[in-house]
């Protein structure tokens, strides 16, 4: 009856509800992530393909946590909507199952004369029995009257017409009359009961006709509902709605998974958080009712871990100055690409230092003269994860002298956020306005650190 509705969960189709026992351990309704593939292997294949998507951006931990949190909350909303639709779908499908089984039972009843016509047949047989009983009673009364008559005749012969014979005759006549009245009353009662049985038989026949009509009305109603369940765009087409929700949730979740792995690597490789403080992602996902809820749990734990890891941080600035290798030639050297080394001993007194941004000042520039420079970072190797973060570029568009009223730009953003400043930086001049008088260029590295 429900063929074509599509699978409910893995290997479970609507018609299977008709054969599943009440103590079956099979799921009638499955979690949202079961719409993401035919089995866990297929789902995990999709997730594994997304894991490496943002690994080279593992330095952007706090941003990735914010983005993943927003995405996972949106996916969690989809889970709740999916669960609601799943319950409604289950109610409709069990209604179909109940109708199917009830209809089968009705057909059995209709094919069973002892049940379907039993009451009407019983009423008819009862009426026939009463009629037969009445005829038998009439015969008994007639025989009794005949016997009384013979007794009277014998009494007249034996005793003549004395008073005793007359009294006997009167008594017997009275007995005959009483018996006749009793019989008449019994016949009348039996006739009424017979009429009652006939009415009962007629009622049962009409009741069966009306019952068949009600069954047809229920069948029509179920047909309308089933059509709405199967019709594309139907209000009761829960499978269609749930597939849409499941697809949206999967798209969000793939983005979440990509960020989870980048966050995990960033916390360990850049923030140096102990492994014991970070829950295992795959274990969290596997042990939760749905993978989405598992990711919610993991992110909330990790957000607390990140807060603890950064609550004692301070910020400071390390300034490096670029001097011309030939007098008056700094601008030319910058145009060719100036290599500036950030030595590791500059961070000897601090722990877990991380870059937050870069600003620059050009000395000996007149008034509002300016230079636009491009700064390219060194690569960063995370040896424990066999990951090399690529060199990234940031640009300062209005480098001017310290005497200028121009605001000092602090740039870098996501690409250089939390990276190590140690290594060789390439500084290149692009455009300028009266920048030929520049004699020195100060680069300020804005860093976060923990005190030893």
Protein backbone atom coordinates (compact mmCIF):
# COMPACT_ATOMS: atom_id res chain seq x y z
CA UNK A 1 0.00 0.00 0.00
CA UNK A 2 2.90 2.35 0.71
CA UNK A 3 5.17 1.28 -2.14
CA UNK A 4 7.02 4.17 -3.75
CA UNK A 5 7.28 6.32 -0.62
CA UNK A 6 11.01 5.59 -0.48
CA UNK A 7 13.23 4.24 2.29
CA UNK A 8 12.79 5.54 5.81
CA UNK A 9 16.27 4.64 6.98
CA UNK A 10 18.95 2.22 5.86
CA UNK A 11 17.24 -0.85 4.46
CA UNK A 12 13.89 -0.01 6.05
CA UNK A 13 11.03 0.77 3.67
CA UNK A 14 7.51 1.80 4.71
CA UNK A 15 6.04 -1.61 3.87
CA UNK A 16 8.50 -3.23 6.28
CA UNK A 17 6.63 -1.55 9.11
CA UNK A 18 3.87 -4.07 8.46
CA UNK A 19 6.15 -7.00 9.33
CA UNK A 20 8.39 -5.54 12.05
CA UNK A 21 7.41 -6.83 15.47
CA UNK A 22 6.83 -4.52 18.41
CA UNK A 23 10.03 -5.79 20.07
CA UNK A 24 12.17 -5.29 16.95
CA UNK A 25 15.44 -3.48 17.51
CA UNK A 26 15.36 -2.04 14.01
CA UNK A 27 14.99 1.73 13.85
CA UNK A 28 11.70 2.85 12.39
CA UNK A 29 13.03 6.39 12.09
CA UNK A 30 16.73 7.16 11.69
CA UNK A 31 18.95 10.16 12.57
CA UNK A 32 19.62 12.93 10.07
CA UNK A 33 23.12 11.77 9.14
CA UNK A 34 21.68 8.52 7.79
CA UNK A 35 20.47 10.58 4.85
CA UNK A 36 24.11 11.34 3.99
CA UNK A 37 24.92 7.88 2.67
CA UNK A 38 23.79 4.29 2.49
CA UNK A 39 26.13 3.29 5.33
CA UNK A 40 28.79 4.68 7.68
CA UNK A 41 31.58 3.86 5.24
CA UNK A 42 30.07 6.09 2.57
CA UNK A 43 29.40 8.89 5.05
CA UNK A 44 32.89 8.73 6.54
CA UNK A 45 34.33 8.81 3.02
CA UNK A 46 32.64 12.16 2.44
CA UNK A 47 33.85 13.49 5.77
CA UNK A 48 37.42 12.28 5.22
CA UNK A 49 37.51 14.09 1.89
CA UNK A 50 36.71 17.36 3.70
CA UNK A 51 39.13 16.97 6.60
CA UNK A 52 42.17 18.38 4.83
CA UNK A 53 40.34 21.32 3.27
CA UNK A 54 41.52 23.98 5.75
CA UNK A 55 44.57 22.36 7.34
CA UNK A 56 46.85 25.00 5.81
CA UNK A 57 44.75 27.61 7.63
CA UNK A 58 45.13 25.98 11.02
CA UNK A 59 46.67 29.22 12.31
CA UNK A 60 43.22 30.87 12.23
CA UNK A 61 42.00 28.96 15.28
CA UNK A 62 39.72 31.53 16.94
CA UNK A 63 38.12 32.50 13.63
CA UNK A 64 37.60 28.87 12.67
CA UNK A 65 35.98 28.22 16.06
CA UNK A 66 33.54 31.10 15.53
CA UNK A 67 32.69 29.98 12.00
CA UNK A 68 32.33 26.33 12.95
CA UNK A 69 30.12 27.26 15.90
CA UNK A 70 27.79 29.27 13.67
CA UNK A 71 27.64 26.52 11.06
CA UNK A 72 27.07 23.74 13.58
CA UNK A 73 24.29 25.64 15.35
CA UNK A 74 22.61 26.08 11.97
CA UNK A 75 23.03 22.37 11.30
CA UNK A 76 21.67 21.60 14.77
CA UNK A 77 18.55 23.61 13.92
CA UNK A 78 18.17 21.40 10.85
CA UNK A 79 18.54 18.32 13.06
CA UNK A 80 15.66 19.51 15.23
CA UNK A 81 13.47 20.22 12.18
CA UNK A 82 14.40 16.83 10.75
CA UNK A 83 13.49 15.07 13.99
CA UNK A 84 10.10 16.78 14.07
CA UNK A 85 9.34 15.77 10.49
CA UNK A 86 10.63 12.28 11.22
CA UNK A 87 8.12 11.87 14.05
CA UNK A 88 5.27 13.17 11.88
CA UNK A 89 6.28 10.85 9.05
CA UNK A 90 6.37 7.93 11.46
CA UNK A 91 2.86 8.74 12.68
CA UNK A 92 1.53 8.77 9.12
CA UNK A 93 3.29 5.57 8.15
CA UNK A 94 2.11 3.72 11.24
CA UNK A 95 -1.39 4.94 10.40
CA UNK A 96 -0.98 3.34 6.96
CA UNK A 97 0.33 0.18 8.59
CA UNK A 98 -2.58 0.09 11.02
CA UNK A 99 -5.08 0.60 8.19
CA UNK A 100 -3.41 -2.13 6.13
CA UNK A 101 -3.61 -4.69 8.91
CA UNK A 102 -7.12 -3.64 9.92
CA UNK A 103 -8.29 -3.94 6.32
CA UNK A 104 -6.81 -7.43 6.06
CA UNK A 105 -8.68 -8.39 9.23
CA UNK A 106 -11.92 -6.94 7.85
CA UNK A 107 -11.58 -9.07 4.72
CA UNK A 108 -11.11 -12.16 6.90
CA UNK A 109 -14.23 -11.25 8.89
CA UNK A 110 -16.29 -10.71 5.75
CA UNK A 111 -15.25 -14.13 4.42
CA UNK A 112 -16.25 -15.83 7.69
CA UNK A 113 -20.05 -16.57 7.62
CA UNK A 114 -20.06 -17.64 11.24
CA UNK A 115 -18.88 -14.13 12.21
CA UNK A 116 -20.24 -11.86 9.49
CA UNK A 117 -23.81 -13.37 9.36
CA UNK A 118 -23.73 -15.15 12.70
CA UNK A 119 -26.01 -12.84 14.66
CA UNK A 120 -28.59 -12.54 11.88
CA UNK A 121 -28.57 -16.33 11.40
CA UNK A 122 -28.96 -16.86 15.15
CA UNK A 123 -31.95 -14.51 15.21
CA UNK A 124 -33.56 -16.32 12.30
CA UNK A 125 -33.00 -19.76 13.83
CA UNK A 126 -34.34 -18.51 17.16
CA UNK A 127 -37.50 -17.30 15.47
CA UNK A 128 -37.94 -20.64 13.75
CA UNK A 129 -37.48 -22.46 17.07
CA UNK A 130 -40.09 -20.31 18.76
CA UNK A 131 -42.57 -20.92 15.95
CA UNK A 132 -41.96 -24.66 16.18
CA UNK A 133 -42.42 -24.52 19.95
CA UNK A 134 -45.75 -22.71 19.56
CA UNK A 135 -47.06 -25.40 17.22
CA UNK A 136 -45.98 -28.08 19.66
CA UNK A 137 -47.68 -26.28 22.54
CA UNK A 138 -50.93 -26.00 20.49
CA UNK A 139 -50.88 -29.74 19.88
CA UNK A 140 -50.46 -30.40 23.62
CA UNK A 141 -53.43 -28.15 24.46
CA UNK A 142 -55.61 -29.89 21.88
CA UNK A 143 -54.69 -33.30 23.26
CA UNK A 144 -55.38 -32.10 26.79
CA UNK A 145 -58.80 -30.77 25.77
CA UNK A 146 -59.58 -34.09 24.07
CA UNK A 147 -58.55 -35.97 27.20
CA UNK A 148 -60.80 -33.77 29.37
CA UNK A 149 -63.70 -34.38 27.02
CA UNK A 150 -63.22 -38.13 27.28
CA UNK A 151 -62.96 -37.85 31.07
CA UNK A 152 -66.26 -35.96 31.19
CA UNK A 153 -67.96 -38.54 29.03
CA UNK A 154 -66.71 -41.30 31.29
CA UNK A 155 -67.86 -39.43 34.39
CA UNK A 156 -71.38 -38.98 33.01
CA UNK A 157 -71.67 -42.67 32.31
CA UNK A 158 -70.32 -43.70 35.70
CA UNK A 159 -72.10 -41.31 38.03
CA UNK A 160 -74.94 -39.87 36.02
CA UNK A 161 -75.86 -36.23 36.46
CA UNK A 162 -75.38 -35.94 40.22
CA UNK A 163 -73.77 -32.89 41.87
CA UNK A 164 -70.35 -34.53 42.22
CA UNK A 165 -70.15 -35.19 38.50
CA UNK A 166 -71.21 -31.66 37.73
CA UNK A 167 -68.63 -30.19 40.04
CA UNK A 168 -65.94 -32.35 38.49
CA UNK A 169 -67.03 -31.31 35.05
CA UNK A 170 -67.01 -27.61 35.99
CA UNK A 171 -63.52 -27.94 37.52
CA UNK A 172 -62.15 -29.68 34.50
CA UNK A 173 -63.75 -27.12 32.21
CA UNK A 174 -62.18 -24.33 34.25
CA UNK A 175 -58.80 -26.07 34.04
CA UNK A 176 -59.16 -26.35 30.28
CA UNK A 177 -60.06 -22.67 30.00
CA UNK A 178 -57.09 -21.59 32.15
CA UNK A 179 -54.72 -23.75 30.15
CA UNK A 180 -56.08 -22.24 26.95
CA UNK A 181 -55.55 -18.71 28.31
CA UNK A 182 -52.01 -19.63 29.40
CA UNK A 183 -51.28 -20.98 25.97
CA UNK A 184 -52.68 -17.83 24.30
CA UNK A 185 -50.47 -15.63 26.50
CA UNK A 186 -47.45 -17.77 25.74
CA UNK A 187 -48.21 -17.62 22.00
CA UNK A 188 -48.53 -13.84 22.18
CA UNK A 189 -45.19 -13.52 24.02
CA UNK A 190 -43.52 -15.86 21.58
CA UNK A 191 -44.86 -13.86 18.66
CA UNK A 192 -43.41 -10.66 20.15
CA UNK A 193 -40.05 -12.36 20.71
CA UNK A 194 -40.18 -13.67 17.16
CA UNK A 195 -40.79 -10.18 15.86
CA UNK A 196 -37.87 -8.95 18.01
CA UNK A 197 -35.59 -11.59 16.52
CA UNK A 198 -36.67 -10.61 13.01
CA UNK A 199 -35.94 -6.95 13.81
CA UNK A 200 -32.55 -7.95 15.18
CA UNK A 201 -31.79 -9.89 12.00
CA UNK A 202 -32.75 -6.90 9.86
CA UNK A 203 -30.66 -4.57 12.03
CA UNK A 204 -27.62 -6.79 11.71
CA UNK A 205 -27.99 -6.88 7.94
CA UNK A 206 -28.23 -3.09 7.76
CA UNK A 207 -25.35 -2.69 10.19
CA UNK A 208 -23.14 -4.79 7.90
CA UNK A 209 -24.06 -2.59 4.95
CA UNK A 210 -23.25 0.59 6.85
CA UNK A 211 -20.03 -0.95 8.15
CA UNK A 212 -18.92 -1.64 4.59
CA UNK A 213 -19.68 1.96 3.70
CA UNK A 214 -17.60 3.26 6.60
CA UNK A 215 -14.73 1.02 5.51
CA UNK A 216 -14.92 2.53 2.05
CA UNK A 217 -14.84 6.07 3.48
CA UNK A 218 -11.71 5.21 5.52
CA UNK A 219 -10.12 3.70 2.43
CA UNK A 220 -10.82 6.87 0.45
CA UNK A 221 -9.33 9.03 3.21
CA UNK A 222 -6.20 6.87 3.44
CA UNK A 223 -5.84 7.08 -0.35
CA UNK A 224 -5.99 10.88 -0.26
CA UNK A 225 -3.38 11.01 2.51
CA UNK A 226 -1.11 8.51 0.76
CA UNK A 227 -1.31 10.54 -2.44
CA UNK A 228 -0.22 13.63 -0.51
CA UNK A 229 2.67 11.69 1.01
CA UNK A 230 3.92 10.61 -2.43
CA UNK A 231 3.11 13.75 -4.44
CA UNK A 232 6.15 15.98 -5.21
CA UNK A 233 5.75 19.15 -3.18
CA UNK A 234 2.96 17.57 -1.13
CA UNK A 235 2.40 18.91 2.36
CA UNK A 236 2.77 15.37 3.73
CA UNK A 237 5.72 14.42 1.52
CA UNK A 238 8.00 14.17 4.53
CA UNK A 239 10.70 12.23 2.66
CA UNK A 240 11.13 15.09 0.21
CA UNK A 241 11.30 17.69 2.96
CA UNK A 242 13.70 15.62 5.03
CA UNK A 243 16.01 15.02 2.06
CA UNK A 244 16.23 18.79 1.54
CA UNK A 245 17.00 19.41 5.20
CA UNK A 246 19.48 16.54 5.30
CA UNK A 247 21.28 17.90 2.23
CA UNK A 248 21.59 21.37 3.74
CA UNK A 249 22.83 19.95 7.02
CA UNK A 250 25.42 17.83 5.18
CA UNK A 251 26.80 20.85 3.30
CA UNK A 252 27.16 22.77 6.56
CA UNK A 253 28.61 19.77 8.34
CA UNK A 254 31.30 19.17 5.71
CA UNK A 255 32.44 22.75 6.27
CA UNK A 256 32.35 22.14 10.01
CA UNK A 257 34.42 18.96 9.76
CA UNK A 258 37.04 20.76 7.68
CA UNK A 259 37.29 23.42 10.38
CA UNK A 260 37.31 20.93 13.25
CA UNK A 261 40.46 19.27 11.97
CA UNK A 262 42.15 22.60 11.32
CA UNK A 263 41.23 23.76 14.84
CA UNK A 264 42.59 20.53 16.29
CA UNK A 265 45.93 20.94 14.50
CA UNK A 266 46.12 24.64 15.34
CA UNK A 267 45.53 24.10 19.05
CA UNK A 268 48.23 21.45 19.23
CA UNK A 269 50.78 22.84 16.77
CA UNK A 270 50.46 26.61 17.27
CA UNK A 271 48.95 27.11 20.73
CA UNK A 272 50.78 24.06 22.12
CA UNK A 273 47.74 22.77 23.99
CA UNK A 274 48.26 19.38 25.61
CA UNK A 275 46.67 16.41 23.81
CA UNK A 276 44.82 15.45 26.99
CA UNK A 277 42.90 18.73 26.94
CA UNK A 278 41.49 18.18 23.44
CA UNK A 279 38.85 15.47 22.94
CA UNK A 280 39.23 13.11 20.01
CA UNK A 281 37.04 14.28 17.14
CA UNK A 282 36.14 10.90 15.63
CA UNK A 283 35.30 9.45 19.04
CA UNK A 284 33.04 12.39 19.88
CA UNK A 285 31.20 12.10 16.57
CA UNK A 286 30.80 8.33 16.84
CA UNK A 287 29.43 8.29 20.37
CA UNK A 288 26.75 10.94 19.87
CA UNK A 289 23.24 10.33 18.59
CA UNK A 290 24.08 12.28 15.44
CA UNK A 291 27.41 13.50 14.12
CA UNK A 292 26.09 17.06 14.25
CA UNK A 293 25.43 16.79 17.96
CA UNK A 294 28.84 15.20 18.43
CA UNK A 295 30.45 18.20 16.70
CA UNK A 296 28.47 20.57 18.93
CA UNK A 297 29.84 18.80 22.00
CA UNK A 298 33.41 18.85 20.66
CA UNK A 299 33.30 22.53 19.74
CA UNK A 300 31.95 23.59 23.11
CA UNK A 301 34.67 21.67 24.92
CA UNK A 302 37.36 23.06 22.63
CA UNK A 303 36.09 26.64 23.00
CA UNK A 304 36.63 26.31 26.74
CA UNK A 305 40.07 24.80 26.15
CA UNK A 306 41.00 27.71 23.87
CA UNK A 307 39.82 30.24 26.45
CA UNK A 308 42.00 28.64 29.09
CA UNK A 309 44.99 28.58 26.74
CA UNK A 310 44.78 32.31 25.98
CA UNK A 311 43.51 33.88 29.20
CA UNK A 312 47.05 34.69 30.43
CA UNK A 313 48.32 36.16 27.17
CA UNK A 314 49.82 39.62 26.78
CA UNK A 315 50.63 41.68 23.71
CA UNK A 316 53.80 43.49 22.72
CA UNK A 317 55.57 44.87 19.65
CA UNK A 318 58.94 43.94 18.22
CA UNK A 319 60.37 46.62 15.93
CA UNK A 320 62.84 45.86 13.17
CA UNK A 321 64.43 48.61 11.12
CA UNK A 322 65.47 48.32 7.48
CA UNK A 323 68.59 50.35 6.68
CA UNK A 324 69.87 50.99 3.12
CA UNK A 325 72.82 48.88 2.10
CA UNK A 326 74.01 51.83 -0.01
CA UNK A 327 73.41 55.41 1.13
CA UNK A 328 70.22 56.92 -0.24
CA UNK A 329 69.23 53.73 -2.05
CA UNK A 330 66.62 52.29 0.34
CA UNK A 331 63.68 52.91 -2.00
CA UNK A 332 65.46 51.19 -4.87
CA UNK A 333 66.43 48.29 -2.66
CA UNK A 334 62.84 47.98 -1.47
CA UNK A 335 61.58 47.91 -5.02
CA UNK A 336 63.89 44.97 -5.72
CA UNK A 337 62.76 43.10 -2.62
CA UNK A 338 64.47 43.59 0.72
CA UNK A 339 65.07 40.48 2.84
CA UNK A 340 64.54 41.04 6.55
CA UNK A 341 65.37 38.29 9.05
CA UNK A 342 63.37 37.95 12.25
CA UNK A 343 65.75 36.09 14.54
CA UNK A 344 64.45 33.58 17.09
CA UNK A 345 66.51 35.14 19.88
CA UNK A 346 64.22 38.19 19.73
CA UNK A 347 61.64 35.99 21.47
CA UNK A 348 63.98 34.41 23.98
CA UNK A 349 62.15 35.81 27.00
CA UNK A 350 58.62 34.88 25.98
CA UNK A 351 56.61 31.70 25.34
CA UNK A 352 54.07 30.75 22.70
CA UNK A 353 54.53 33.98 20.77
CA UNK A 354 52.12 34.53 17.89
CA UNK A 355 51.84 37.21 15.27
CA UNK A 356 48.72 39.40 15.44
CA UNK A 357 49.53 42.06 12.84
CA UNK A 358 52.13 44.31 11.20
CA UNK A 359 52.50 48.07 10.90
CA UNK A 360 55.27 50.26 9.40
CA UNK A 361 56.74 53.74 9.59
CA UNK A 362 59.03 55.38 7.00
CA UNK A 363 61.44 58.00 8.30
CA UNK A 364 62.61 61.17 6.55
CA UNK A 365 59.45 61.29 4.43
CA UNK A 366 58.20 64.85 4.08
CA UNK A 367 54.74 65.84 5.27
CA UNK A 368 52.10 63.41 4.00
CA UNK A 369 54.44 61.59 1.60
CA UNK A 370 53.86 57.83 1.60
CA UNK A 371 55.00 54.45 0.31
CA UNK A 372 52.96 51.34 -0.38
CA UNK A 373 54.80 48.17 0.61
CA UNK A 374 54.16 44.45 0.29
CA UNK A 375 55.40 42.10 3.02
CA UNK A 376 55.72 38.37 2.42
CA UNK A 377 56.06 36.02 5.36
CA UNK A 378 58.33 32.98 5.62
CA UNK A 379 56.89 29.47 5.47
CA UNK A 380 56.13 27.82 8.80
CA UNK A 381 56.75 24.13 9.36
CA UNK A 382 54.63 22.18 11.85
CA UNK A 383 56.92 19.19 12.04
CA UNK A 384 54.75 17.09 14.35
CA UNK A 385 51.93 17.18 11.79
CA UNK A 386 54.10 17.18 8.65
CA UNK A 387 52.39 20.38 7.55
CA UNK A 388 54.07 23.44 6.03
CA UNK A 389 52.09 26.65 6.14
CA UNK A 390 52.82 28.52 2.88
CA UNK A 391 54.24 31.98 2.62
CA UNK A 392 51.53 34.65 2.69
CA UNK A 393 51.49 38.29 1.71
CA UNK A 394 50.06 41.35 3.38
CA UNK A 395 50.10 44.93 2.11
CA UNK A 396 50.50 48.31 3.81
CA UNK A 397 49.14 51.03 1.56
CA UNK A 398 50.05 54.24 3.37
CA UNK A 399 53.40 54.02 5.12
CA UNK A 400 54.43 57.54 6.18
CA UNK A 401 56.78 59.17 8.67
CA UNK A 402 56.21 59.15 12.42
CA UNK A 403 55.60 62.90 12.21
CA UNK A 404 52.68 62.44 9.79
CA UNK A 405 49.14 62.69 11.01
CA UNK A 406 48.23 59.61 8.97
CA UNK A 407 46.95 56.66 11.01
CA UNK A 408 49.33 53.74 11.29
CA UNK A 409 47.83 50.73 9.51
CA UNK A 410 47.96 47.40 11.34
CA UNK A 411 47.39 44.72 8.75
CA UNK A 412 47.69 41.03 8.19
CA UNK A 413 44.29 39.62 9.11
CA UNK A 414 43.53 35.95 8.79
CA UNK A 415 46.47 34.85 6.61
CA UNK A 416 49.23 35.77 9.08
CA UNK A 417 47.17 35.50 12.27
CA UNK A 418 48.91 33.40 14.96
CA UNK A 419 51.84 32.53 12.73
CA UNK A 420 55.39 32.53 14.02
CA UNK A 421 57.30 35.71 13.05
CA UNK A 422 60.65 33.87 13.00
CA UNK A 423 62.30 33.60 9.59
CA UNK A 424 63.10 35.66 6.49
CA UNK A 425 60.54 38.24 5.43
CA UNK A 426 60.58 39.89 2.01
CA UNK A 427 59.64 43.57 1.96
CA UNK A 428 58.90 45.17 -1.39
CA UNK A 429 57.98 48.77 -2.29
CA UNK A 430 55.18 49.11 -4.85
CA UNK A 431 53.89 52.65 -5.30
CA UNK A 432 54.91 55.84 -3.57
CA UNK A 433 54.39 59.59 -3.37
CA UNK A 434 57.66 61.41 -2.79
CA UNK A 435 59.02 58.25 -1.24
CA UNK A 436 62.51 58.69 -2.68
CA UNK A 437 63.59 60.51 0.48
CA UNK A 438 62.98 57.49 2.72
CA UNK A 439 66.08 56.69 4.76
CA UNK A 440 64.78 54.01 7.13
CA UNK A 441 61.76 51.76 7.35
CA UNK A 442 60.52 50.53 10.73
CA UNK A 443 58.45 47.32 10.73
CA UNK A 444 56.46 46.71 13.90
CA UNK A 445 55.48 43.10 14.55
CA UNK A 446 52.46 42.98 16.88
CA UNK A 447 52.70 39.79 18.90
CA UNK A 448 50.83 37.90 21.60
CA UNK A 449 52.81 35.87 24.12
CA UNK A 450 52.85 34.20 27.50
CA UNK A 451 55.37 35.24 30.12
CA UNK A 452 57.94 32.67 31.17
